Protein backbone atom coordinates (compact mmCIF):
# COMPACT_ATOMS: atom_id res chain seq x y z
CA MET A 1 61.09 -4.39 44.63
CA LYS A 2 62.88 -3.80 41.10
CA LYS A 3 62.69 -7.52 40.13
CA VAL A 4 59.45 -7.29 41.05
CA MET A 5 57.90 -4.65 39.15
CA LEU A 6 59.96 -5.53 35.68
CA LEU A 7 57.93 -9.15 35.73
CA ALA A 8 54.91 -7.23 36.25
CA ALA A 9 55.88 -4.57 33.28
CA GLY A 10 57.01 -7.68 31.52
CA LEU A 11 53.82 -9.68 31.83
CA PHE A 12 51.62 -6.55 30.82
CA PHE A 13 53.29 -6.43 27.72
CA ALA A 14 52.59 -10.11 27.04
CA LEU A 15 49.01 -9.40 27.38
CA SER A 16 48.73 -6.48 25.22
CA THR A 17 50.92 -8.58 23.11
CA PHE A 18 48.27 -11.16 22.36
CA ALA A 19 45.26 -8.76 23.15
CA GLN A 20 45.91 -6.88 20.02
CA GLN A 21 46.60 -10.26 18.22
CA ALA A 22 43.67 -11.60 19.23
CA ASP A 23 42.31 -8.48 17.63
CA ASN A 24 44.45 -8.47 14.50
CA LYS A 25 42.72 -12.23 14.06
CA GLN A 26 40.64 -11.98 10.94
CA VAL A 27 37.52 -13.56 10.96
CA LYS A 28 36.10 -15.51 8.51
CA LYS A 29 32.81 -14.54 7.53
CA ILE A 30 30.00 -14.80 4.87
CA GLU A 31 27.21 -11.54 4.15
CA VAL A 32 24.42 -12.19 1.76
CA ASN A 33 20.98 -10.58 1.08
CA GLY A 34 17.32 -12.37 1.59
CA SER A 35 14.64 -11.25 0.37
CA ALA A 36 10.94 -12.44 -0.10
CA GLU A 37 7.77 -11.42 -1.19
CA ILE A 38 4.09 -12.13 0.20
CA GLU A 39 1.63 -11.80 -1.89
CA ILE A 40 -2.59 -10.61 -0.41
CA THR A 41 -5.22 -9.54 -1.70
CA PRO A 42 -6.59 -6.25 -0.08
CA ASP A 43 -9.33 -5.74 2.34
CA GLU A 44 -9.88 -1.99 2.66
CA LEU A 45 -10.44 -0.09 -0.40
CA ASN A 46 -10.90 3.50 -0.84
CA LEU A 47 -13.16 4.52 -3.65
CA ASP A 48 -13.45 8.51 -4.21
CA ILE A 49 -16.44 9.55 -6.09
CA SER A 50 -17.05 13.18 -7.70
CA LEU A 51 -20.24 14.30 -8.39
CA LYS A 52 -21.62 17.41 -10.12
CA GLU A 53 -24.87 19.75 -10.30
CA TYR A 54 -25.67 19.72 -13.99
CA LEU A 55 -28.81 21.16 -16.42
CA LYS A 56 -31.39 18.31 -17.23
CA GLY A 57 -33.48 21.05 -20.18
CA LYS A 58 -33.51 23.94 -17.97
CA THR A 59 -33.66 22.56 -14.46
CA LYS A 60 -30.80 22.17 -12.98
CA VAL A 61 -30.81 19.35 -10.56
CA ASP A 62 -29.08 19.92 -7.72
CA ILE A 63 -25.50 18.54 -5.39
CA THR A 64 -28.50 17.91 -2.49
CA THR A 65 -30.53 15.58 -4.84
CA LEU A 66 -26.85 13.34 -5.63
CA GLU A 67 -26.27 12.74 -2.52
CA LYS A 68 -28.87 11.82 -0.73
CA GLN A 69 -29.27 9.24 -4.03
CA LEU A 70 -25.63 7.77 -2.97
CA VAL A 71 -26.36 7.94 0.52
CA LYS A 72 -29.26 6.09 -0.15
CA ALA A 73 -27.56 3.23 -2.15
CA ILE A 74 -25.11 3.25 0.40
CA ALA A 75 -27.85 2.35 3.31
CA ASP A 76 -29.72 -0.65 0.55
CA ALA A 77 -25.94 -2.32 0.04
CA GLY A 78 -25.94 -2.85 3.84
CA LEU A 79 -22.78 -0.61 4.47
CA PRO A 80 -22.77 1.64 7.73
CA LYS A 81 -23.16 5.54 6.98
CA GLU A 82 -19.80 5.45 8.47
CA VAL A 83 -18.58 4.25 5.53
CA LEU A 84 -19.28 8.21 3.51
CA THR A 85 -17.42 11.03 3.86
CA ILE A 86 -17.04 14.10 2.59
CA GLU A 87 -13.41 15.09 1.03
CA ASN A 88 -13.96 18.34 -0.33
CA VAL A 89 -17.13 20.75 -1.85
CA ASN A 90 -16.43 23.25 -5.33
CA GLY A 91 -17.86 25.23 -6.97
CA PHE A 92 -17.73 26.20 -11.38
CA ASN A 93 -19.67 28.19 -13.65
CA ASN A 94 -21.76 26.04 -16.08
CA GLU A 95 -20.02 26.39 -19.76
CA TYR A 96 -23.71 26.05 -21.73
CA PHE A 97 -24.37 29.61 -20.43
CA LEU A 98 -20.87 31.23 -20.44
CA ARG A 99 -21.06 31.06 -24.26
CA LYS A 100 -25.14 31.80 -24.28
CA LYS A 101 -24.54 35.45 -23.68
CA LYS A 102 -28.30 35.92 -23.12
CA ASP A 103 -28.82 32.85 -20.59
CA PRO A 104 -28.31 33.87 -17.13
CA VAL A 105 -24.90 32.09 -15.45
CA GLU A 106 -25.36 29.36 -13.50
CA PHE A 107 -23.83 28.46 -10.58
CA MET A 108 -22.45 24.73 -9.97
CA THR A 109 -21.56 22.89 -6.68
CA ARG A 110 -19.06 19.53 -7.49
CA LYS A 111 -18.26 18.05 -4.65
CA GLN A 112 -15.66 14.41 -3.83
CA TYR A 113 -16.89 11.49 -1.56
CA ARG A 114 -14.57 9.05 -0.57
CA LEU A 115 -16.27 5.58 0.30
CA LYS A 116 -14.54 2.86 1.91
CA LEU A 117 -15.02 -0.68 0.99
CA THR A 118 -13.91 -4.17 1.81
CA LYS A 119 -14.20 -5.12 -1.69
CA LEU A 120 -15.81 -4.24 -4.63
CA ASP A 121 -18.44 -6.60 -5.18
CA LYS A 122 -21.62 -3.62 -4.70
CA ILE A 123 -19.95 -0.44 -5.98
CA ASN A 124 -22.12 -1.38 -9.26
CA ASP A 125 -25.30 -1.65 -7.62
CA ILE A 126 -24.46 1.84 -5.26
CA LEU A 127 -22.91 3.73 -8.79
CA GLY A 128 -25.71 2.59 -10.32
CA ALA A 129 -28.37 4.55 -8.36
CA VAL A 130 -27.39 7.13 -8.59
CA ASP A 131 -28.07 10.02 -11.39
CA ALA A 132 -25.17 8.72 -14.05
CA GLU A 133 -25.47 12.32 -15.29
CA GLY A 134 -23.94 13.15 -12.25
CA ILE A 135 -21.13 11.70 -11.56
CA GLU A 136 -18.19 13.18 -12.73
CA SER A 137 -15.62 11.07 -11.87
CA THR A 138 -14.71 7.55 -9.80
CA ARG A 139 -11.72 6.31 -8.74
CA ILE A 140 -10.02 3.80 -6.19
CA SER A 141 -7.04 6.56 -4.57
CA SER A 142 -6.13 3.66 -1.18
CA TYR A 143 -5.82 0.36 -0.94
CA THR A 144 -4.61 -1.61 1.82
CA SER A 145 -5.09 -4.83 4.13
CA SER A 146 -6.50 -4.90 7.74
CA LYS A 147 -3.28 -7.41 8.52
CA MET A 148 -0.57 -5.01 7.00
CA ASP A 149 1.80 -5.94 9.48
CA GLN A 150 1.14 -9.12 9.96
CA TYR A 151 1.81 -9.71 6.07
CA ARG A 152 4.98 -7.62 7.28
CA LYS A 153 6.78 -9.66 9.99
CA GLU A 154 6.07 -12.55 8.08
CA ALA A 155 8.40 -11.82 4.84
CA LYS A 156 10.94 -10.12 7.52
CA ILE A 157 10.66 -14.33 8.91
CA LYS A 158 10.94 -15.37 5.43
CA ALA A 159 13.94 -12.77 4.02
CA ILE A 160 16.25 -13.79 7.01
CA LYS A 161 15.46 -17.36 6.71
CA ALA A 162 16.12 -16.65 2.80
CA ALA A 163 19.78 -15.04 4.00
CA LYS A 164 20.11 -18.31 6.09
CA GLU A 165 19.51 -20.79 3.47
CA LYS A 166 21.82 -18.45 1.11
CA ALA A 167 24.73 -18.46 3.24
CA GLU A 168 24.32 -22.96 3.84
CA TYR A 169 23.97 -23.61 0.27
CA MET A 170 26.75 -21.61 -0.99
CA LEU A 171 29.36 -22.41 1.94
CA ALA A 172 28.77 -26.18 1.59
CA ALA A 173 29.77 -26.30 -2.44
CA ILE A 174 33.70 -25.37 -1.18
CA GLY A 175 33.27 -27.50 2.31
CA ASN A 176 32.07 -25.28 4.86
CA SER A 177 29.54 -24.09 7.11
CA ILE A 178 27.50 -21.43 9.08
CA ASP A 179 28.88 -20.82 12.48
CA ASN A 180 27.21 -17.45 14.76
CA VAL A 181 24.96 -14.73 12.58
CA ILE A 182 27.02 -11.70 13.11
CA GLU A 183 25.17 -9.20 11.67
CA VAL A 184 21.77 -8.49 10.83
CA GLN A 185 20.04 -5.52 9.16
CA GLU A 186 16.93 -4.49 7.69
CA ILE A 187 16.65 -2.86 3.94
CA ASN A 188 14.16 -0.70 3.25
CA THR A 189 12.10 -1.92 1.60
CA ASP A 190 9.05 -2.57 3.66
CA ASN A 191 6.52 -1.77 1.52
CA TYR A 192 4.27 -2.85 -1.01
CA ALA A 193 3.63 -2.95 -4.99
CA ASP A 194 1.58 0.09 -5.48
CA TYR A 195 -0.59 -0.52 -8.02
CA ARG A 196 -3.51 2.32 -9.27
CA PRO A 197 -6.46 1.70 -11.41
CA GLN A 198 -7.49 4.33 -14.00
CA ILE A 199 -10.48 6.56 -13.38
CA MET A 200 -13.48 4.73 -14.26
CA ALA A 201 -16.23 6.80 -16.37
CA ASN A 202 -19.48 6.29 -15.31
CA ALA A 203 -20.46 5.32 -19.14
CA MET A 204 -19.48 2.07 -17.76
CA TYR A 205 -22.06 1.72 -15.40
CA LYS A 206 -24.47 2.78 -18.14
CA SER A 207 -23.03 0.81 -21.12
CA ALA A 208 -23.50 -2.46 -18.56
CA ASP A 209 -27.59 -1.45 -17.48
CA ALA A 210 -28.02 -1.42 -22.07
CA VAL A 211 -27.32 -5.00 -21.76
CA GLY A 212 -29.38 -5.75 -19.13
CA GLY A 213 -26.79 -6.86 -16.53
CA GLY A 214 -24.24 -5.36 -14.05
CA ALA A 215 -20.38 -6.02 -14.24
CA PRO A 216 -19.32 -8.32 -14.49
CA GLU A 217 -17.37 -9.76 -10.59
CA ILE A 218 -13.60 -9.98 -10.72
CA ASP A 219 -11.12 -10.06 -7.32
CA PHE A 220 -9.12 -6.64 -7.06
CA LYS A 221 -5.97 -7.06 -8.23
CA THR A 222 -3.76 -8.72 -5.70
CA ILE A 223 -0.37 -5.92 -3.90
CA LYS A 224 2.97 -7.95 -2.44
CA VAL A 225 4.82 -7.05 0.59
CA ARG A 226 8.13 -7.30 0.09
CA ALA A 227 10.84 -7.93 2.63
CA GLU A 228 14.53 -7.42 2.63
CA VAL A 229 17.41 -7.87 4.90
CA ARG A 230 21.44 -7.97 5.12
CA THR A 231 23.18 -10.80 7.19
CA VAL A 232 26.94 -11.44 8.23
CA PHE A 233 27.08 -15.16 9.41
CA SER A 234 30.97 -16.52 10.57
CA ILE A 235 32.30 -19.28 9.06
CA LYS A 236 33.04 -22.56 11.12
């Protein structure tokens, strides 16, 4: 019985030693990063429009008049009314009357709107139908693509393929090849290159009318969707 126990203990020790040696055996591997970019044209744009009341002579052009012009221009452009929302409303004192003490102080209203568009081809017609003196400023606040999730997925697939290709040609240069993938880690670059156009002054629309035509039709700047991954492959 004692001999059996000794043999069992010896076998257990041998197996433990073998397992430890196997665990300590270094796996040959290569670690590489892969990246990819996809250039796309935005099809969802948010345009911020700020309208303000002003004085024409001593008569105030009120915000209701300006708002009606904007709403009508959007309808005439064939867009649904839901594309226009109010972002903010505030007031200010007219500086002209503040300087002239004998005149009463006139309180003015300013409204900020957000206009959702799929492209900018109709913006000149829309803003051109609103009293230019009542347009304080316009700017593109944000933009994206309705297919952004699809583009992000495509970029990630291309990134991991690029990592595999890189590992293959690096190992081929020294006569080796990859075996299996050990690890894949997504690096947090899942975003698109940001580009914010400068504020467009309403003077540009007045100057376009002055020369007898609107601004030339130009495609909106493209954006790039980028993805990057870290990969580890075993070597045959």
